[in-house]
Amino acid sequence: MKLTYLGHSAVMIEDGKFKGIIDPFISGNSFATFNMEELSHVTHIFVTHGHSDHTGDTVEIASRTGALIIANHEISSYFNKYKLRTHSMHIGGKFSFDFGRVKMVNALHGSGISENGNMIYGGNPCGFVIEINNKKVYHAGDTGLTLDMKLLEDENIDVAFLPIGGNFTMDIDDAVKAAGFIKAKKVVPIHYNTFGIIKADPKEYKNKVKNSEVVLLNINESMNI
């Protein structure tokens, strides 16, 4: 399985014919350098919540590729108006797809969808545990620290993507506690430095985490598990 960090919270997961992307905020991210043409083979899009820096380029990508969007019921219903393929889930739900198994887990955040000056209800924010060929990836989405993360230790997570930027999500110290709860084999910090208000030092985070190996990925850098 190949994991590529595309900046902010966007992560690509590739395994055989499966090419999934989580929270594809690319064209609107001034730090992202990924070529959108390389997304022409995306098969699945995972959306953790309705904020624009996470829904990102979902409509454009899904319109071009026919990718299946996996999100909560409210966000899925929103995307249905664009005649896109969706699969709705909710917190605690599990589903077996042709590529593997997905579990939607809790996140503490908002999920409103901003459109033409109005805020549309976006349901519960979430994280995803994605299992493919006996490898598990946890993407926390935007979240504060929660004791629910202790339950993820039982999942035996291979790689956890955790926000560290603070203000809107966990900061470094809370994300250190989260890593201690989850006990993933490897942890990758995300959701930092895109905006000044979420400035954080990933090296500080790496030095503070004791329970897992911290992998610092530059934008467009990949790792294999």
Protein backbone atom coordinates (compact mmCIF):
# COMPACT_ATOMS: atom_id res chain seq x y z
CA MET A 1 0.00 0.00 0.00
CA LYS A 2 1.32 3.41 -0.99
CA LEU A 3 0.36 6.52 1.00
CA THR A 4 1.03 10.00 -0.36
CA TYR A 5 0.59 13.26 1.54
CA LEU A 6 -0.82 15.95 -0.76
CA GLY A 7 -0.81 18.80 1.76
CA HIS A 8 -3.15 20.07 4.51
CA SER A 9 -5.26 16.95 5.24
CA ALA A 10 -5.28 15.44 1.75
CA VAL A 11 -3.95 11.88 1.58
CA MET A 12 -3.82 9.46 -1.34
CA ILE A 13 -4.07 5.71 -0.72
CA GLU A 14 -3.10 3.35 -3.55
CA ASP A 15 -3.28 -0.42 -3.57
CA GLY A 16 -3.60 -2.30 -6.85
CA LYS A 17 -6.57 -0.90 -8.77
CA PHE A 18 -7.77 1.07 -5.75
CA LYS A 19 -6.84 4.75 -5.77
CA GLY A 20 -8.56 6.64 -2.99
CA ILE A 21 -8.11 10.22 -1.84
CA ILE A 22 -9.13 11.66 1.53
CA ASP A 23 -10.20 15.32 1.87
CA PRO A 24 -8.92 16.46 -1.57
CA PHE A 25 -8.19 20.13 -0.86
CA ILE A 26 -5.65 20.73 -3.65
CA SER A 27 -6.49 23.50 -6.13
CA GLY A 28 -7.44 25.86 -3.30
CA ASN A 29 -4.26 25.16 -1.31
CA SER A 30 -1.42 27.51 -2.31
CA PHE A 31 1.12 25.03 -0.89
CA ALA A 32 -0.16 22.07 -2.90
CA THR A 33 1.85 21.26 -6.02
CA PHE A 34 0.13 18.07 -7.05
CA ASN A 35 -0.88 17.88 -10.71
CA MET A 36 -4.65 17.50 -10.85
CA GLU A 37 -4.27 15.49 -14.05
CA GLU A 38 -2.72 12.74 -11.93
CA LEU A 39 -6.09 12.30 -10.23
CA SER A 40 -7.71 11.01 -13.40
CA HIS A 41 -7.66 7.44 -12.09
CA VAL A 42 -9.14 8.13 -8.64
CA THR A 43 -11.70 5.44 -7.77
CA HIS A 44 -12.87 6.62 -4.33
CA ILE A 45 -13.06 9.92 -2.43
CA PHE A 46 -13.42 10.05 1.36
CA VAL A 47 -14.76 13.27 2.90
CA THR A 48 -14.44 13.71 6.67
CA HIS A 49 -16.64 16.81 6.98
CA GLY A 50 -18.22 19.66 5.05
CA HIS A 51 -15.68 22.46 5.41
CA SER A 52 -14.27 23.71 2.12
CA ASP A 53 -10.65 22.91 3.03
CA HIS A 54 -11.71 19.25 3.18
CA THR A 55 -14.42 18.88 0.53
CA GLY A 56 -11.97 20.73 -1.72
CA ASP A 57 -11.98 19.39 -5.28
CA THR A 58 -14.40 16.53 -4.63
CA VAL A 59 -16.99 17.63 -7.19
CA GLU A 60 -14.43 18.22 -9.94
CA ILE A 61 -12.61 14.93 -9.36
CA ALA A 62 -15.75 12.82 -9.05
CA SER A 63 -17.32 14.46 -12.11
CA ARG A 64 -14.28 13.63 -14.23
CA THR A 65 -13.56 10.14 -12.90
CA GLY A 66 -16.87 8.75 -11.67
CA ALA A 67 -15.22 8.08 -8.30
CA LEU A 68 -17.44 6.91 -5.46
CA ILE A 69 -17.72 9.48 -2.67
CA ILE A 70 -17.82 8.04 0.86
CA ALA A 71 -19.11 10.48 3.48
CA ASN A 72 -21.81 10.94 6.09
CA HIS A 73 -25.44 10.93 4.97
CA GLU A 74 -25.85 14.70 4.92
CA ILE A 75 -22.73 15.36 2.86
CA SER A 76 -23.58 12.51 0.53
CA SER A 77 -27.03 14.02 0.00
CA TYR A 78 -25.42 17.38 -0.77
CA PHE A 79 -23.18 15.82 -3.43
CA ASN A 80 -26.13 13.96 -4.94
CA LYS A 81 -27.37 17.23 -6.41
CA TYR A 82 -24.34 17.13 -8.71
CA LYS A 83 -25.42 13.66 -9.92
CA LEU A 84 -22.33 12.07 -8.36
CA ARG A 85 -21.98 8.53 -7.01
CA THR A 86 -22.10 8.45 -3.21
CA HIS A 87 -22.12 5.97 -0.37
CA SER A 88 -23.42 7.40 2.90
CA MET A 89 -22.35 6.17 6.35
CA HIS A 90 -22.51 7.39 9.92
CA ILE A 91 -20.48 7.20 13.12
CA GLY A 92 -19.79 3.61 14.16
CA GLY A 93 -20.88 2.24 10.83
CA LYS A 94 -18.79 -0.32 8.96
CA PHE A 95 -19.09 -1.41 5.35
CA SER A 96 -17.22 -3.88 3.16
CA PHE A 97 -16.39 -2.48 -0.28
CA ASP A 98 -14.70 -4.31 -3.16
CA PHE A 99 -11.33 -2.86 -2.08
CA GLY A 100 -11.65 -3.51 1.67
CA ARG A 101 -13.49 -2.42 4.80
CA VAL A 102 -14.27 1.08 6.05
CA LYS A 103 -15.32 2.16 9.52
CA MET A 104 -16.54 5.69 10.21
CA VAL A 105 -15.40 6.94 13.62
CA ASN A 106 -16.07 9.93 15.80
CA ALA A 107 -14.47 13.36 15.40
CA LEU A 108 -15.08 16.49 17.49
CA HIS A 109 -15.49 19.39 15.08
CA GLY A 110 -18.05 21.11 12.86
CA SER A 111 -19.25 20.10 9.41
CA GLY A 112 -21.23 22.98 7.93
CA ILE A 113 -21.09 23.42 4.16
CA SER A 114 -20.73 27.07 3.12
CA GLU A 115 -22.55 27.91 -0.11
CA ASN A 116 -23.41 31.35 -1.49
CA GLY A 117 -23.17 32.95 1.94
CA ASN A 118 -25.35 30.31 3.55
CA MET A 119 -24.37 27.50 5.91
CA ILE A 120 -25.84 24.09 5.05
CA TYR A 121 -26.04 21.43 7.75
CA GLY A 122 -23.28 18.89 7.12
CA GLY A 123 -24.06 16.25 9.72
CA ASN A 124 -21.45 14.83 12.07
CA PRO A 125 -17.76 15.22 11.27
CA CYS A 126 -15.84 11.95 11.22
CA GLY A 127 -12.62 10.08 10.81
CA PHE A 128 -12.08 6.91 8.79
CA VAL A 129 -10.44 3.59 9.53
CA ILE A 130 -9.70 2.10 6.11
CA GLU A 131 -8.60 -1.54 5.93
CA ILE A 132 -7.08 -2.93 2.73
CA ASN A 133 -5.27 -6.28 2.53
CA ASN A 134 -4.90 -6.47 6.32
CA LYS A 135 -3.38 -2.98 6.55
CA LYS A 136 -5.26 -0.29 8.47
CA VAL A 137 -5.03 3.47 7.95
CA TYR A 138 -6.74 5.90 10.33
CA HIS A 139 -7.41 9.44 9.12
CA ALA A 140 -8.71 11.55 12.00
CA GLY A 141 -10.14 14.37 9.93
CA ASP A 142 -10.41 17.60 11.91
CA THR A 143 -10.86 16.78 15.57
CA GLY A 144 -10.06 17.72 19.10
CA LEU A 145 -8.63 15.19 21.50
CA THR A 146 -11.22 12.66 22.62
CA LEU A 147 -11.15 9.63 24.89
CA ASP A 148 -12.88 7.73 22.07
CA MET A 149 -9.44 7.48 20.52
CA LYS A 150 -8.52 4.93 23.17
CA LEU A 151 -10.89 2.52 21.42
CA LEU A 152 -8.75 2.72 18.30
CA GLU A 153 -5.93 0.89 20.06
CA ASP A 154 -7.94 -2.30 19.52
CA GLU A 155 -7.91 -1.66 15.75
CA ASN A 156 -4.12 -2.21 15.54
CA ILE A 157 -3.68 0.78 13.23
CA ASP A 158 -0.68 0.67 10.91
CA VAL A 159 -0.63 4.39 10.09
CA ALA A 160 -2.55 7.22 11.76
CA PHE A 161 -2.86 10.67 10.18
CA LEU A 162 -3.42 13.19 12.99
CA PRO A 163 -3.94 16.99 12.88
CA ILE A 164 -1.49 19.04 14.95
CA GLY A 165 -2.18 22.65 13.93
CA GLY A 166 -4.29 23.75 16.89
CA ASN A 167 -7.01 26.43 16.92
CA PHE A 168 -9.46 24.38 14.81
CA THR A 169 -8.13 20.95 15.87
CA MET A 170 -5.77 19.30 18.32
CA ASP A 171 -2.50 21.09 18.87
CA ILE A 172 0.84 19.32 19.21
CA ASP A 173 0.47 18.37 22.87
CA ASP A 174 -3.06 17.00 22.46
CA ALA A 175 -2.01 15.14 19.32
CA VAL A 176 0.80 13.57 21.35
CA LYS A 177 -1.81 12.30 23.80
CA ALA A 178 -3.90 11.05 20.86
CA ALA A 179 -0.93 9.07 19.56
CA GLY A 180 -0.56 7.56 23.02
CA PHE A 181 -4.22 6.51 23.02
CA ILE A 182 -4.19 5.01 19.52
CA LYS A 183 -0.76 3.33 19.62
CA ALA A 184 -0.51 3.11 15.84
CA LYS A 185 2.68 1.66 14.44
CA LYS A 186 3.34 4.93 12.60
CA VAL A 187 1.89 8.43 12.93
CA VAL A 188 1.93 11.19 10.31
CA PRO A 189 1.09 14.78 11.36
CA ILE A 190 -1.27 16.73 9.08
CA HIS A 191 -3.37 19.92 9.06
CA TYR A 192 -0.62 22.38 9.95
CA ASN A 193 1.08 25.45 8.39
CA THR A 194 -1.45 25.81 5.54
CA PHE A 195 -2.66 29.00 7.23
CA GLY A 196 -0.86 31.19 9.75
CA ILE A 197 -3.37 30.39 12.46
CA ILE A 198 -2.45 26.67 12.36
CA LYS A 199 1.31 27.08 12.34
CA ALA A 200 3.06 24.18 14.07
CA ASP A 201 6.45 22.48 14.08
CA PRO A 202 6.19 18.82 13.05
CA LYS A 203 9.70 18.15 14.36
CA GLU A 204 8.55 19.19 17.83
CA TYR A 205 5.69 16.73 17.48
CA LYS A 206 8.05 13.95 16.42
CA ASN A 207 10.28 14.56 19.42
CA LYS A 208 7.37 14.37 21.85
CA VAL A 209 5.65 11.18 20.63
CA LYS A 210 6.92 8.09 22.47
CA ASN A 211 4.47 5.29 21.58
CA SER A 212 4.73 5.31 17.78
CA GLU A 213 7.18 6.04 15.00
CA VAL A 214 6.47 9.51 13.65
CA VAL A 215 6.94 9.89 9.89
CA LEU A 216 7.22 13.45 8.59
CA LEU A 217 6.03 13.60 4.99
CA ASN A 218 6.66 16.60 2.79
CA ILE A 219 3.92 17.57 0.34
CA ASN A 220 3.76 14.96 -2.46
CA GLU A 221 6.04 12.59 -0.52
CA SER A 222 5.00 8.94 -0.23
CA MET A 223 5.51 6.04 2.14
CA ASN A 224 4.82 2.33 1.71
CA ILE A 225 3.38 0.00 4.33
